[in-house]
């Protein structure tokens, strides 16, 4: 599978092309910030991607309660097929550090394993960097997230407020050395307690 940006659009998004080896079929989708008119479709994508509506409800709650947010969608022929959200987290003892948490990420089941999630992660990390955030944390599969530069948060001497396997809580610096002198526990927004 090959995925690469093929330019930007006037709507503020970037087009991505997916090509599956051995086929002549291309899928072109746009990644852009979501808008209020997209919220019902974003909710539906999150419901379809997870076993319960908890993540979809989390997205709705964060949208109402948290700023700044990075909330991006992948759109194919006018249909929203993927969504990713980043929200600020805090590191105990370092309230001034600008760190984002990646959660959730959702791709409609019929569009999974086509590179859409990877494109959303890359675009989201870039947007977080452009907004001046120095690092991003994620709770997830190390084999998946390591391809974007994430590594165990223990390497940075930081841990998660939740009781999770150490290797599953990861961080990536968007600014070199950003977490060098920091240590402590990452806390998510209270809305995460309902997931």
Protein backbone atom coordinates (compact mmCIF):
# COMPACT_ATOMS: atom_id res chain seq x y z
CA UNK A 1 0.00 0.00 0.00
CA UNK A 2 1.32 3.43 -0.89
CA UNK A 3 -0.06 6.56 0.65
CA UNK A 4 1.23 10.00 -0.04
CA UNK A 5 -0.04 13.55 0.04
CA UNK A 6 -0.77 14.86 -3.43
CA UNK A 7 -1.30 18.52 -2.65
CA UNK A 8 -3.55 20.78 -0.70
CA UNK A 9 -7.00 22.11 -1.40
CA UNK A 10 -8.54 25.49 -0.95
CA UNK A 11 -10.76 24.01 1.80
CA UNK A 12 -7.77 23.66 4.09
CA UNK A 13 -7.34 19.92 3.66
CA UNK A 14 -4.83 17.73 1.96
CA UNK A 15 -5.62 15.02 -0.56
CA UNK A 16 -4.10 11.57 -0.07
CA UNK A 17 -3.93 8.82 -2.68
CA UNK A 18 -4.01 5.14 -1.77
CA UNK A 19 -2.92 2.51 -4.25
CA UNK A 20 -3.18 -1.18 -3.52
CA UNK A 21 -0.52 -3.24 -5.27
CA UNK A 22 -1.87 -5.48 -7.97
CA UNK A 23 -5.00 -3.43 -8.58
CA UNK A 24 -5.90 -0.53 -10.76
CA UNK A 25 -8.16 0.98 -8.12
CA UNK A 26 -7.18 4.21 -6.42
CA UNK A 27 -8.82 5.75 -3.40
CA UNK A 28 -8.37 9.47 -2.98
CA UNK A 29 -9.47 11.05 0.24
CA UNK A 30 -9.09 14.43 1.82
CA UNK A 31 -7.95 15.06 5.38
CA UNK A 32 -9.25 18.26 6.91
CA UNK A 33 -10.41 19.74 10.18
CA UNK A 34 -13.93 18.75 11.03
CA UNK A 35 -16.73 21.28 11.04
CA UNK A 36 -20.00 21.36 12.93
CA UNK A 37 -21.83 20.00 9.90
CA UNK A 38 -19.60 16.88 10.12
CA UNK A 39 -20.26 16.06 13.76
CA UNK A 40 -23.11 13.56 13.26
CA UNK A 41 -21.06 11.65 10.68
CA UNK A 42 -17.98 11.74 12.95
CA UNK A 43 -20.11 10.31 15.75
CA UNK A 44 -21.33 7.54 13.43
CA UNK A 45 -17.77 6.64 12.32
CA UNK A 46 -16.66 6.36 15.95
CA UNK A 47 -19.69 4.22 16.83
CA UNK A 48 -19.00 1.92 13.88
CA UNK A 49 -15.29 1.52 14.71
CA UNK A 50 -15.69 0.57 18.38
CA UNK A 51 -17.69 -2.03 20.30
CA UNK A 52 -19.57 0.60 22.31
CA UNK A 53 -20.51 4.26 21.74
CA UNK A 54 -18.15 5.36 24.55
CA UNK A 55 -15.50 6.80 22.20
CA UNK A 56 -18.11 8.59 20.10
CA UNK A 57 -19.54 10.11 23.28
CA UNK A 58 -16.02 11.07 24.37
CA UNK A 59 -15.51 12.99 21.12
CA UNK A 60 -18.77 14.87 21.71
CA UNK A 61 -17.84 15.67 25.33
CA UNK A 62 -14.33 16.86 24.46
CA UNK A 63 -15.72 19.09 21.73
CA UNK A 64 -17.96 20.79 24.31
CA UNK A 65 -15.44 21.02 27.14
CA UNK A 66 -11.88 21.34 25.79
CA UNK A 67 -9.84 23.84 23.80
CA UNK A 68 -7.68 23.63 21.83
CA UNK A 69 -8.58 20.46 20.00
CA UNK A 70 -7.19 18.94 16.86
CA UNK A 71 -10.07 17.06 15.25
CA UNK A 72 -9.46 15.80 11.72
CA UNK A 73 -11.55 13.76 9.34
CA UNK A 74 -10.78 11.66 6.29
CA UNK A 75 -13.37 12.21 3.58
CA UNK A 76 -13.87 10.15 0.43
CA UNK A 77 -16.38 11.33 -2.19
CA UNK A 78 -18.20 13.40 0.41
CA UNK A 79 -18.41 10.56 2.96
CA UNK A 80 -16.52 10.73 6.24
CA UNK A 81 -14.55 7.49 6.54
CA UNK A 82 -12.16 8.31 9.39
CA UNK A 83 -11.61 10.61 12.36
CA UNK A 84 -8.83 11.44 14.82
CA UNK A 85 -8.78 13.72 17.85
CA UNK A 86 -5.99 15.22 19.94
CA UNK A 87 -6.71 17.03 23.22
CA UNK A 88 -4.44 18.68 25.78
CA UNK A 89 -3.11 16.58 28.66
CA UNK A 90 -1.18 17.74 31.72
CA UNK A 91 2.07 16.44 33.19
CA UNK A 92 2.23 16.59 36.98
CA UNK A 93 4.72 19.22 38.12
CA UNK A 94 4.98 20.78 34.65
CA UNK A 95 1.74 22.67 33.99
CA UNK A 96 3.31 24.90 31.33
CA UNK A 97 4.36 22.03 29.04
CA UNK A 98 2.17 21.86 25.95
CA UNK A 99 1.39 18.17 25.41
CA UNK A 100 -1.46 16.59 23.47
CA UNK A 101 -3.08 13.18 23.89
CA UNK A 102 -4.10 11.24 20.79
CA UNK A 103 -7.50 9.64 21.36
CA UNK A 104 -9.61 8.42 19.81
CA UNK A 105 -8.83 7.41 16.26
CA UNK A 106 -11.53 5.69 14.22
CA UNK A 107 -11.84 4.42 10.67
CA UNK A 108 -15.09 3.00 9.32
CA UNK A 109 -14.74 -0.82 9.25
CA UNK A 110 -15.09 -1.10 5.46
CA UNK A 111 -12.18 1.34 5.03
CA UNK A 112 -9.77 -0.10 7.60
CA UNK A 113 -6.34 -1.46 6.62
CA UNK A 114 -6.07 0.97 3.72
CA UNK A 115 -3.72 3.54 5.26
CA UNK A 116 -6.39 6.05 6.29
CA UNK A 117 -5.56 5.78 9.99
CA UNK A 118 -1.86 6.28 9.30
CA UNK A 119 -2.57 9.35 7.19
CA UNK A 120 -4.76 10.77 9.98
CA UNK A 121 -2.01 10.22 12.58
CA UNK A 122 0.63 11.89 10.42
CA UNK A 123 -1.60 14.87 9.61
CA UNK A 124 -2.63 15.22 13.26
CA UNK A 125 0.93 15.16 14.55
CA UNK A 126 1.86 17.83 12.02
CA UNK A 127 -1.06 20.02 13.08
CA UNK A 128 -0.15 19.63 16.78
CA UNK A 129 3.40 20.69 15.94
CA UNK A 130 2.16 23.72 13.99
CA UNK A 131 0.06 24.73 17.03
CA UNK A 132 3.19 24.76 19.19
CA UNK A 133 2.73 21.52 21.11
CA UNK A 134 6.02 19.85 22.00
CA UNK A 135 4.91 16.25 22.49
CA UNK A 136 2.01 13.83 22.02
CA UNK A 137 1.12 10.80 24.14
CA UNK A 138 -1.00 7.81 23.16
CA UNK A 139 -2.29 4.66 24.80
CA UNK A 140 -2.26 1.95 22.16
CA UNK A 141 -0.49 -0.78 20.22
CA UNK A 142 3.29 -0.22 20.19
CA UNK A 143 3.69 -2.08 16.88
CA UNK A 144 1.30 0.39 15.22
CA UNK A 145 2.32 3.67 16.84
CA UNK A 146 6.09 3.12 16.68
CA UNK A 147 5.94 3.77 12.92
CA UNK A 148 5.11 7.41 13.73
CA UNK A 149 8.02 7.83 16.16
CA UNK A 150 6.19 6.91 19.37
CA UNK A 151 8.17 4.98 21.98
CA UNK A 152 7.54 3.89 25.55
CA UNK A 153 6.85 6.87 27.77
CA UNK A 154 9.13 5.28 30.38
CA UNK A 155 12.00 6.43 28.15
CA UNK A 156 10.97 9.99 29.04
CA UNK A 157 10.30 9.13 32.70
CA UNK A 158 6.60 9.82 32.37
CA UNK A 159 3.68 7.51 33.08
CA UNK A 160 -0.07 7.37 32.57
CA UNK A 161 -2.66 8.12 35.23
CA UNK A 162 -4.40 4.86 34.29
CA UNK A 163 -3.18 1.41 35.25
CA UNK A 164 -1.98 0.23 31.83
CA UNK A 165 0.95 -1.86 30.57
CA UNK A 166 4.06 0.33 30.44
CA UNK A 167 4.78 -0.49 26.80
CA UNK A 168 1.27 0.59 25.74
CA UNK A 169 1.64 4.17 26.97
CA UNK A 170 3.86 6.00 24.51
CA UNK A 171 5.10 9.47 23.68
CA UNK A 172 6.68 11.25 20.74
CA UNK A 173 8.48 14.56 20.90
CA UNK A 174 7.43 17.06 18.23
CA UNK A 175 10.25 19.35 19.37
CA UNK A 176 13.60 17.65 20.00
CA UNK A 177 14.39 17.38 23.71
CA UNK A 178 10.99 18.71 24.78
CA UNK A 179 10.54 16.07 27.51
CA UNK A 180 14.22 15.83 28.47
CA UNK A 181 13.96 17.42 31.91
CA UNK A 182 10.36 16.51 32.63
CA UNK A 183 9.02 13.55 34.57
CA UNK A 184 5.74 12.66 36.20
CA UNK A 185 2.24 11.41 35.55
CA UNK A 186 0.15 12.38 32.52
CA UNK A 187 -3.45 13.28 33.31
CA UNK A 188 -6.21 13.33 30.71
CA UNK A 189 -9.31 15.53 30.73
CA UNK A 190 -12.04 14.35 33.09
CA UNK A 191 -14.21 13.33 30.11
CA UNK A 192 -11.91 10.31 29.61
CA UNK A 193 -13.11 8.80 32.90
CA UNK A 194 -16.33 7.72 31.14
CA UNK A 195 -14.52 5.55 28.55
